[in-house]
N, C-alpha and C. Protein backbone atom coordinates (compact mmCIF):
# COMPACT_ATOMS: atom_id res chain seq x y z
N MET A 1 124.51 112.42 110.73
CA MET A 1 124.64 111.16 111.48
C MET A 1 123.37 110.88 112.24
N LYS A 2 122.80 111.89 113.05
CA LYS A 2 122.01 111.81 113.60
C LYS A 2 120.64 111.26 112.96
N THR A 3 120.59 111.82 111.58
CA THR A 3 119.30 111.37 110.96
C THR A 3 119.61 109.93 110.35
N LEU A 4 120.73 109.44 109.93
CA LEU A 4 120.99 108.22 109.78
C LEU A 4 120.62 107.23 110.79
N VAL A 5 121.18 107.74 112.03
CA VAL A 5 120.73 106.69 113.02
C VAL A 5 119.35 106.57 113.17
N ALA A 6 118.38 107.61 113.08
CA ALA A 6 117.02 107.83 113.36
C ALA A 6 116.64 106.98 112.28
N LEU A 7 116.99 107.17 111.12
CA LEU A 7 116.50 106.02 110.12
C LEU A 7 116.57 104.72 110.39
N LEU A 8 117.82 104.34 110.70
CA LEU A 8 118.27 102.89 111.19
C LEU A 8 117.19 102.43 112.21
N SER A 9 117.10 103.15 113.21
CA SER A 9 116.22 102.76 114.40
C SER A 9 114.64 102.81 113.96
N LEU A 10 114.24 103.54 112.84
CA LEU A 10 112.96 103.22 112.63
C LEU A 10 112.81 102.51 111.39
N GLY A 11 113.94 101.85 110.93
CA GLY A 11 113.69 100.82 109.90
C GLY A 11 113.29 101.36 108.52
N SER A 12 113.61 102.56 108.18
CA SER A 12 113.11 103.33 107.14
C SER A 12 114.54 103.48 106.37
N LEU A 13 115.61 103.06 106.37
CA LEU A 13 116.55 103.56 105.48
C LEU A 13 116.30 103.08 104.11
N GLY A 14 115.61 102.08 103.66
CA GLY A 14 115.43 101.65 102.52
C GLY A 14 114.22 102.68 101.86
N LEU A 15 113.42 103.01 102.59
CA LEU A 15 112.31 104.41 102.03
C LEU A 15 113.09 105.16 101.74
N ALA A 16 114.11 106.01 102.75
CA ALA A 16 114.43 106.97 102.53
C ALA A 16 115.75 107.28 101.33
N TRP A 17 116.47 106.02 100.78
CA TRP A 17 117.27 105.96 100.01
C TRP A 17 116.98 105.53 98.69
N CYS A 18 115.93 104.64 98.86
CA CYS A 18 115.51 104.10 97.56
C CYS A 18 114.51 104.79 96.48
N CYS A 19 113.59 105.75 97.67
CA CYS A 19 112.42 106.00 96.88
C CYS A 19 112.89 107.35 95.93
N ARG A 20 113.82 107.19 95.24
CA ARG A 20 113.83 108.26 94.31
C ARG A 20 114.31 107.79 92.84
N LEU A 21 113.99 108.33 91.93
CA LEU A 21 114.22 107.98 90.65
C LEU A 21 115.82 107.98 90.43
N SER A 22 116.53 107.32 89.70
CA SER A 22 117.70 107.15 89.36
C SER A 22 117.53 108.17 87.86
N PRO A 23 118.78 108.95 87.73
CA PRO A 23 118.94 109.46 86.31
C PRO A 23 118.70 108.64 85.37
N GLY A 24 117.92 108.99 84.30
CA GLY A 24 117.54 108.13 83.53
C GLY A 24 116.72 106.78 83.62
N ALA A 25 116.05 106.64 84.57
CA ALA A 25 115.04 105.78 84.77
C ALA A 25 113.97 105.65 83.84
N THR A 26 113.69 104.52 83.44
CA THR A 26 112.76 104.11 82.33
C THR A 26 111.17 103.91 82.97
N ASN A 27 110.45 104.24 82.49
CA ASN A 27 109.11 103.99 82.78
C ASN A 27 108.53 102.71 82.32
N ILE A 28 108.37 101.77 82.67
CA ILE A 28 108.34 100.51 82.45
C ILE A 28 106.72 100.17 81.92
N ALA A 29 106.05 100.92 82.53
CA ALA A 29 104.68 100.98 82.27
C ALA A 29 104.12 100.96 80.53
N ARG A 30 105.00 102.08 80.09
CA ARG A 30 104.85 102.47 78.69
C ARG A 30 104.81 101.37 77.66
N SER A 31 105.53 100.15 78.11
CA SER A 31 105.60 98.97 77.19
C SER A 31 104.64 97.84 77.99
N GLY A 32 103.53 98.28 78.47
CA GLY A 32 102.60 97.29 79.11
C GLY A 32 101.44 97.39 78.46
N GLU A 33 100.43 96.65 78.84
CA GLU A 33 99.12 96.35 78.47
C GLU A 33 98.16 97.10 79.47
N ALA A 34 97.41 98.02 79.21
CA ALA A 34 96.49 98.61 80.15
C ALA A 34 95.11 98.10 79.94
N SER A 35 94.16 98.06 80.95
CA SER A 35 92.93 97.49 80.94
C SER A 35 92.30 98.25 81.90
N GLN A 36 90.76 98.15 82.13
CA GLN A 36 90.04 98.92 83.21
C GLN A 36 88.84 98.47 83.60
N SER A 37 88.03 98.79 84.54
CA SER A 37 86.76 98.00 84.77
C SER A 37 85.52 98.55 83.86
N SER A 38 85.86 99.46 83.30
CA SER A 38 84.97 99.94 82.14
C SER A 38 85.70 101.24 81.23
N ASP A 39 84.94 101.54 80.12
CA ASP A 39 85.39 102.70 79.44
C ASP A 39 84.27 103.75 79.48
N TYR A 40 84.54 104.88 79.88
CA TYR A 40 83.58 106.09 79.87
C TYR A 40 83.48 106.35 78.52
N PRO A 41 81.94 106.39 78.01
CA PRO A 41 81.75 106.42 76.78
C PRO A 41 81.41 107.64 76.24
N GLU A 42 81.31 108.89 76.74
CA GLU A 42 81.50 109.99 76.23
C GLU A 42 82.76 110.62 75.67
N GLU A 43 82.95 111.25 74.43
CA GLU A 43 84.05 112.14 73.93
C GLU A 43 84.77 112.77 75.14
N PRO A 44 85.97 113.16 75.18
CA PRO A 44 87.08 111.99 74.65
C PRO A 44 86.96 110.64 75.46
N ILE A 45 86.68 109.64 74.85
CA ILE A 45 86.49 108.16 75.48
C ILE A 45 87.89 108.02 76.31
N GLY A 46 87.76 107.51 77.60
CA GLY A 46 88.36 107.32 78.35
C GLY A 46 89.16 105.72 78.49
N TYR A 47 89.81 105.69 77.34
CA TYR A 47 90.35 104.26 77.20
C TYR A 47 91.68 104.09 78.49
N ALA A 48 91.74 102.91 78.57
CA ALA A 48 92.73 102.66 79.64
C ALA A 48 93.98 102.67 79.29
N LYS A 49 94.53 102.73 77.72
CA LYS A 49 95.68 102.85 77.44
C LYS A 49 96.33 104.39 77.51
N LYS A 50 95.35 105.25 77.73
CA LYS A 50 95.69 106.62 77.84
C LYS A 50 96.48 107.00 79.18
N ALA A 51 96.60 106.09 80.07
CA ALA A 51 97.40 106.21 81.40
C ALA A 51 98.59 105.85 81.30
N ILE A 52 99.14 105.36 80.08
CA ILE A 52 100.29 104.70 79.91
C ILE A 52 101.00 105.57 78.87
N ASP A 53 100.30 106.50 77.99
CA ASP A 53 100.87 107.27 76.78
C ASP A 53 101.96 107.91 77.02
N GLY A 54 102.38 108.35 78.17
CA GLY A 54 103.69 109.31 78.44
C GLY A 54 103.28 110.71 78.55
N VAL A 55 101.89 111.13 78.22
CA VAL A 55 101.53 112.33 78.43
C VAL A 55 100.86 112.63 79.89
N THR A 56 101.42 113.62 80.50
CA THR A 56 100.96 113.82 81.73
C THR A 56 99.77 115.08 81.64
N ASP A 57 99.37 115.38 80.52
CA ASP A 57 98.49 116.51 80.45
C ASP A 57 97.24 116.26 81.54
N THR A 58 96.90 116.81 82.58
CA THR A 58 95.91 116.60 83.57
C THR A 58 94.55 117.04 83.59
N ASN A 59 94.32 117.74 82.04
CA ASN A 59 92.93 118.11 81.92
C ASN A 59 92.44 117.03 80.92
N TRP A 60 91.08 116.64 81.45
CA TRP A 60 90.31 115.47 80.78
C TRP A 60 89.64 115.86 79.44
N PHE A 61 89.50 117.20 79.18
CA PHE A 61 88.84 117.51 77.92
C PHE A 61 90.20 117.70 77.21
N ASN A 62 91.45 117.61 77.23
CA ASN A 62 92.26 117.72 76.19
C ASN A 62 92.42 115.97 75.60
N GLY A 63 91.87 115.11 76.33
CA GLY A 63 92.07 113.88 75.57
C GLY A 63 92.93 112.68 75.87
N PHE A 64 93.66 112.92 77.19
CA PHE A 64 94.97 112.26 77.33
C PHE A 64 94.70 111.55 78.56
N CYS A 65 93.57 111.35 79.36
CA CYS A 65 93.33 110.85 80.54
C CYS A 65 92.30 109.50 80.23
N THR A 66 92.33 108.83 81.19
CA THR A 66 91.34 107.65 81.01
C THR A 66 90.34 107.90 82.26
N GLN A 67 89.00 107.09 82.11
CA GLN A 67 88.17 107.38 83.05
C GLN A 67 87.32 106.24 82.89
N THR A 68 86.87 105.51 83.93
CA THR A 68 85.84 104.41 84.16
C THR A 68 84.51 105.09 84.14
N ASN A 69 83.53 104.34 84.08
CA ASN A 69 81.96 104.71 84.55
C ASN A 69 82.05 104.71 86.09
N PRO A 70 80.87 104.90 86.61
CA PRO A 70 80.89 104.85 88.15
C PRO A 70 80.63 103.35 88.65
N ASP A 71 81.61 102.60 88.43
CA ASP A 71 81.65 101.20 88.94
C ASP A 71 81.91 100.96 90.16
N PRO A 72 81.11 99.69 90.48
CA PRO A 72 81.56 99.35 92.00
C PRO A 72 82.90 99.13 92.09
N SER A 73 83.66 99.50 93.13
CA SER A 73 85.07 99.35 93.28
C SER A 73 85.95 99.36 91.75
N PRO A 74 85.84 100.64 91.13
CA PRO A 74 86.68 100.63 89.93
C PRO A 74 87.86 100.43 89.79
N TRP A 75 88.60 99.97 88.78
CA TRP A 75 89.92 99.65 88.65
C TRP A 75 90.57 99.79 87.29
N TRP A 76 92.01 99.89 87.42
CA TRP A 76 92.62 100.08 86.42
C TRP A 76 93.96 99.46 86.52
N LYS A 77 94.43 98.73 85.56
CA LYS A 77 95.99 97.95 85.87
C LYS A 77 96.42 98.16 84.38
N VAL A 78 97.89 97.83 84.65
CA VAL A 78 98.88 97.56 83.48
C VAL A 78 99.51 96.20 83.76
N ASP A 79 99.62 95.27 82.79
CA ASP A 79 100.26 94.09 82.91
C ASP A 79 101.55 94.51 82.18
N LEU A 80 102.60 94.50 83.08
CA LEU A 80 103.96 94.43 82.57
C LEU A 80 104.65 93.76 81.69
N LYS A 81 104.15 92.40 81.60
CA LYS A 81 104.46 91.45 80.65
C LYS A 81 105.42 90.59 81.29
N GLN A 82 106.23 91.04 82.38
CA GLN A 82 107.10 90.09 83.27
C GLN A 82 106.99 90.50 84.58
N LYS A 83 107.59 89.82 85.62
CA LYS A 83 107.70 90.36 87.00
C LYS A 83 108.88 91.31 87.22
N TYR A 84 108.31 92.35 87.80
CA TYR A 84 109.55 93.29 88.28
C TYR A 84 109.48 93.49 89.76
N LYS A 85 110.62 94.04 90.18
CA LYS A 85 110.61 94.54 91.65
C LYS A 85 110.38 96.05 91.39
N VAL A 86 109.12 96.37 91.89
CA VAL A 86 108.44 97.77 91.44
C VAL A 86 109.11 98.63 92.79
N ASN A 87 110.03 99.73 92.36
CA ASN A 87 110.56 100.84 93.38
C ASN A 87 109.65 101.70 93.46
N VAL A 88 109.18 102.44 92.44
CA VAL A 88 108.23 103.61 92.60
C VAL A 88 107.14 103.51 91.57
N VAL A 89 106.08 104.13 91.83
CA VAL A 89 104.75 104.19 90.83
C VAL A 89 104.35 105.62 91.04
N VAL A 90 104.34 106.51 90.03
CA VAL A 90 103.83 107.67 90.24
C VAL A 90 102.23 107.62 89.53
N VAL A 91 101.36 108.24 89.92
CA VAL A 91 100.05 108.24 89.62
C VAL A 91 99.55 109.83 89.51
N THR A 92 99.14 109.99 88.35
CA THR A 92 98.83 111.59 88.08
C THR A 92 97.16 111.64 87.54
N GLY A 93 96.39 112.24 88.54
CA GLY A 93 95.09 112.20 88.20
C GLY A 93 94.75 113.59 87.55
N ARG A 94 93.43 113.86 87.44
CA ARG A 94 92.87 115.29 86.85
C ARG A 94 93.18 116.49 87.69
N THR A 95 93.09 117.53 87.16
CA THR A 95 93.34 118.93 87.88
C THR A 95 92.01 119.71 87.57
N ASP A 96 90.97 119.30 86.69
CA ASP A 96 89.84 120.16 86.40
C ASP A 96 88.56 119.76 87.05
N GLY A 97 88.84 119.68 88.40
CA GLY A 97 87.75 119.49 89.48
C GLY A 97 87.23 118.22 90.04
N SER A 98 88.19 116.98 89.71
CA SER A 98 87.61 115.78 89.95
C SER A 98 88.71 114.98 90.70
N MET A 99 89.63 115.88 91.32
CA MET A 99 90.52 115.12 92.01
C MET A 99 89.89 114.35 93.29
N TYR A 100 88.96 115.15 93.73
CA TYR A 100 88.24 114.26 94.95
C TYR A 100 87.92 112.88 94.83
N ARG A 101 87.66 112.44 93.49
CA ARG A 101 87.38 111.00 93.33
C ARG A 101 88.24 110.33 93.45
N MET A 102 89.54 110.50 93.57
CA MET A 102 90.95 109.93 93.92
C MET A 102 91.14 109.35 95.36
N MET A 103 90.32 109.81 96.42
CA MET A 103 90.51 109.83 97.87
C MET A 103 90.42 108.26 97.88
N ASP A 104 91.41 107.76 98.77
CA ASP A 104 91.53 106.13 99.10
C ASP A 104 92.00 105.32 97.86
N ALA A 105 92.08 105.85 96.89
CA ALA A 105 92.43 104.88 95.98
C ALA A 105 93.85 104.04 96.28
N GLU A 106 94.02 102.66 95.98
CA GLU A 106 94.97 101.92 96.34
C GLU A 106 95.88 101.79 95.16
N VAL A 107 97.22 101.68 95.40
CA VAL A 107 98.20 101.18 94.17
C VAL A 107 98.43 99.63 94.71
N ARG A 108 98.02 98.54 93.83
CA ARG A 108 98.33 97.36 94.30
C ARG A 108 99.31 96.72 93.23
N ILE A 109 100.43 95.97 93.66
CA ILE A 109 101.25 95.39 92.89
C ILE A 109 101.44 93.68 93.23
N GLY A 110 101.19 92.88 92.04
CA GLY A 110 101.52 91.64 92.54
C GLY A 110 101.20 90.95 91.08
N ASN A 111 101.05 89.42 91.30
CA ASN A 111 101.16 88.60 90.34
C ASN A 111 99.74 87.99 89.76
N SER A 112 98.68 88.40 90.64
CA SER A 112 97.33 87.98 90.33
C SER A 112 96.65 89.01 89.38
N PRO A 113 96.24 88.53 88.06
CA PRO A 113 95.58 89.40 87.08
C PRO A 113 94.16 89.78 87.75
N ASP A 114 93.57 89.46 88.64
CA ASP A 114 92.36 89.80 89.02
C ASP A 114 92.68 91.23 90.11
N ASN A 115 93.52 91.82 90.24
CA ASN A 115 93.81 92.93 91.16
C ASN A 115 93.77 92.77 92.62
N ASN A 116 93.76 91.57 92.92
CA ASN A 116 93.76 91.07 94.59
C ASN A 116 95.26 90.68 95.04
N ASN A 117 95.99 92.02 94.72
CA ASN A 117 97.37 91.81 95.00
C ASN A 117 97.71 92.94 96.46
N PRO A 118 99.06 92.94 96.93
CA PRO A 118 99.32 93.57 98.33
C PRO A 118 99.24 95.02 97.82
N VAL A 119 98.92 95.86 98.75
CA VAL A 119 98.79 97.25 98.65
C VAL A 119 100.20 98.08 98.83
N CYS A 120 100.51 98.77 97.93
CA CYS A 120 101.97 99.52 98.13
C CYS A 120 101.39 100.72 98.70
N GLY A 121 100.46 101.40 98.36
CA GLY A 121 99.89 102.71 99.08
C GLY A 121 98.83 103.18 98.60
N LYS A 122 98.01 104.31 99.29
CA LYS A 122 97.13 104.63 99.14
C LYS A 122 96.81 106.15 99.03
N VAL A 123 95.94 106.72 98.10
CA VAL A 123 95.77 108.38 97.94
C VAL A 123 95.14 108.53 99.38
N THR A 124 95.87 109.83 99.99
CA THR A 124 95.48 110.29 101.19
C THR A 124 95.10 111.73 101.19
N GLN A 125 95.56 112.29 100.08
CA GLN A 125 95.24 113.60 100.07
C GLN A 125 95.11 113.93 98.47
N VAL A 126 94.38 114.99 97.86
CA VAL A 126 93.96 115.27 96.55
C VAL A 126 94.42 116.59 96.21
N SER A 127 95.03 117.23 97.02
CA SER A 127 95.42 118.52 96.81
C SER A 127 96.40 118.84 95.51
N ASP A 128 97.22 117.83 95.37
CA ASP A 128 97.99 117.74 94.05
C ASP A 128 97.54 116.43 93.20
N ALA A 129 97.75 116.88 92.11
CA ALA A 129 97.46 115.85 90.96
C ALA A 129 98.37 114.61 90.91
N THR A 130 99.55 114.73 91.33
CA THR A 130 100.57 113.78 91.42
C THR A 130 100.91 112.99 92.75
N THR A 131 100.63 112.08 92.79
CA THR A 131 101.22 111.20 94.12
C THR A 131 102.35 110.10 93.92
N ILE A 132 103.47 110.08 94.22
CA ILE A 132 104.51 109.30 94.33
C ILE A 132 104.13 108.22 95.46
N PHE A 133 104.36 106.83 95.14
CA PHE A 133 104.33 105.94 95.94
C PHE A 133 105.55 105.05 95.88
N CYS A 134 106.23 104.99 97.01
CA CYS A 134 107.24 104.14 97.46
C CYS A 134 107.22 102.62 97.63
N CYS A 135 107.32 101.99 96.33
CA CYS A 135 107.00 100.58 96.65
C CYS A 135 108.20 99.60 97.22
N ASN A 136 109.32 100.17 97.35
CA ASN A 136 110.78 99.38 97.82
C ASN A 136 110.65 97.91 97.46
N GLY A 137 110.46 97.75 95.96
CA GLY A 137 110.70 96.37 95.46
C GLY A 137 109.78 95.60 95.77
N MET A 138 108.52 95.93 95.84
CA MET A 138 107.32 94.90 95.58
C MET A 138 107.41 94.25 94.40
N GLU A 139 107.16 92.69 94.54
CA GLU A 139 107.44 91.95 93.09
C GLU A 139 105.94 91.85 92.66
N GLY A 140 106.06 91.93 91.21
CA GLY A 140 104.99 91.70 90.60
C GLY A 140 104.74 92.04 89.11
N GLN A 141 103.73 91.48 88.32
CA GLN A 141 103.63 91.59 86.88
C GLN A 141 102.61 92.50 86.69
N TYR A 142 101.53 92.91 87.51
CA TYR A 142 100.45 93.77 87.45
C TYR A 142 100.84 94.93 88.28
N VAL A 143 100.41 96.11 88.05
CA VAL A 143 100.26 97.33 88.81
C VAL A 143 98.83 97.68 88.56
N SER A 144 97.90 97.89 89.76
CA SER A 144 96.76 98.33 89.37
C SER A 144 96.31 99.43 90.57
N VAL A 145 95.54 100.40 89.97
CA VAL A 145 94.88 101.46 90.90
C VAL A 145 93.35 100.95 91.14
N VAL A 146 92.79 100.86 92.47
CA VAL A 146 91.69 100.26 92.80
C VAL A 146 91.04 101.33 93.60
N ILE A 147 89.84 101.71 93.37
CA ILE A 147 89.12 102.43 94.56
C ILE A 147 88.08 101.62 95.26
N PRO A 148 88.52 100.95 96.38
CA PRO A 148 87.76 99.80 96.95
C PRO A 148 86.47 100.14 97.65
N GLY A 149 85.34 99.33 97.58
CA GLY A 149 84.38 99.83 98.58
C GLY A 149 83.28 101.03 98.07
N ARG A 150 83.29 101.42 97.07
CA ARG A 150 82.39 102.51 96.74
C ARG A 150 82.18 102.61 95.04
N ASN A 151 81.11 103.01 94.90
CA ASN A 151 80.79 103.24 93.11
C ASN A 151 81.36 104.66 92.86
N GLU A 152 82.26 104.59 92.01
CA GLU A 152 82.82 105.92 91.62
C GLU A 152 83.44 105.89 90.18
N PHE A 153 83.84 107.13 89.70
CA PHE A 153 84.55 107.24 88.47
C PHE A 153 85.86 107.04 89.02
N LEU A 154 86.74 106.28 88.20
CA LEU A 154 88.34 106.15 88.40
C LEU A 154 88.79 106.77 87.23
N HIS A 155 89.61 108.05 87.27
CA HIS A 155 90.44 108.93 86.41
C HIS A 155 91.76 108.93 86.71
N LEU A 156 92.28 108.65 85.53
CA LEU A 156 93.80 108.78 85.64
C LEU A 156 94.59 109.52 84.36
N CYS A 157 95.43 110.25 84.34
CA CYS A 157 96.21 110.77 83.43
C CYS A 157 97.39 110.29 83.05
N GLU A 158 98.15 109.55 83.96
CA GLU A 158 99.14 109.05 83.61
C GLU A 158 99.66 107.93 84.99
N VAL A 159 100.11 106.87 84.55
CA VAL A 159 100.61 106.20 85.42
C VAL A 159 101.89 105.42 85.25
N GLU A 160 103.10 105.83 85.91
CA GLU A 160 104.44 105.67 85.51
C GLU A 160 104.90 104.60 86.69
N VAL A 161 105.49 103.48 85.94
CA VAL A 161 106.24 102.30 87.05
C VAL A 161 107.62 102.39 86.71
N TYR A 162 108.52 102.38 88.01
CA TYR A 162 109.88 102.44 87.96
C TYR A 162 110.31 101.10 88.51
N SER A 163 111.35 100.40 88.08
CA SER A 163 111.59 98.84 88.48
C SER A 163 112.97 98.37 88.07
N ASP A 164 113.08 97.42 88.67
CA ASP A 164 114.14 96.55 88.37
C ASP A 164 113.71 95.23 87.91
N PRO A 165 113.99 94.30 87.07
CA PRO A 165 113.53 93.02 86.35
C PRO A 165 113.80 92.22 87.74
N VAL A 166 113.05 90.99 88.08
CA VAL A 166 113.22 90.11 89.14
C VAL A 166 114.56 89.36 88.95
N ALA A 167 114.85 89.12 87.66
CA ALA A 167 115.87 88.30 87.38
C ALA A 167 117.33 88.87 87.70
N GLU A 168 117.22 90.32 87.96
CA GLU A 168 118.66 90.98 88.59
C GLU A 168 119.07 90.55 89.72
N GLU A 169 120.16 90.82 90.14
CA GLU A 169 120.89 90.44 91.37
C GLU A 169 120.02 91.50 92.38
N ASN A 170 119.74 91.17 93.57
CA ASN A 170 119.06 92.17 94.51
C ASN A 170 119.90 93.26 94.81
N ARG A 171 119.55 94.43 94.66
CA ARG A 171 120.42 95.79 94.84
C ARG A 171 120.30 96.20 96.24
N VAL A 172 121.34 96.63 96.91
CA VAL A 172 121.30 97.16 98.03
C VAL A 172 121.48 98.50 98.06
N CYS A 173 120.37 99.38 98.76
CA CYS A 173 120.19 100.67 98.60
C CYS A 173 120.82 101.36 100.01
N TRP A 174 122.07 101.71 99.55
CA TRP A 174 122.73 102.78 100.71
C TRP A 174 122.91 104.12 100.43
């Protein structure tokens, strides 16, 4: 009970209870359309769609990851084709020596196709290839990963998005 009271007093009840995947949750990114600021041109070519192919292999050389050139503020995004209330975004990067490049990458969600959307979260540690972002029902058609303010390679091995369609009745998380 003390934990529940503490969570209520901190305003974190939604985060504590809603930031987990329901059994059988569907990754809606898989049916979206991915794009990115550029395609790294060397084999294996890092096309944007590789980040929503359902394969979480984190070794670039196996050919399942995406990568941009060292662009200024590189970005990757998925168009979900309709508005959703996004609850969880799972971002998986590379484990073959390049995770440091992901530091400060932002996950953004909204309805602007130019990635100028509200930030759900930011990569603050790169000791693990997978980062889970609790977005608590942020609404939008576009989910993007952006490294703002520096020239960098952006590489992603998988981006998963779990959500409720906006048309559904609001769900209370208890």
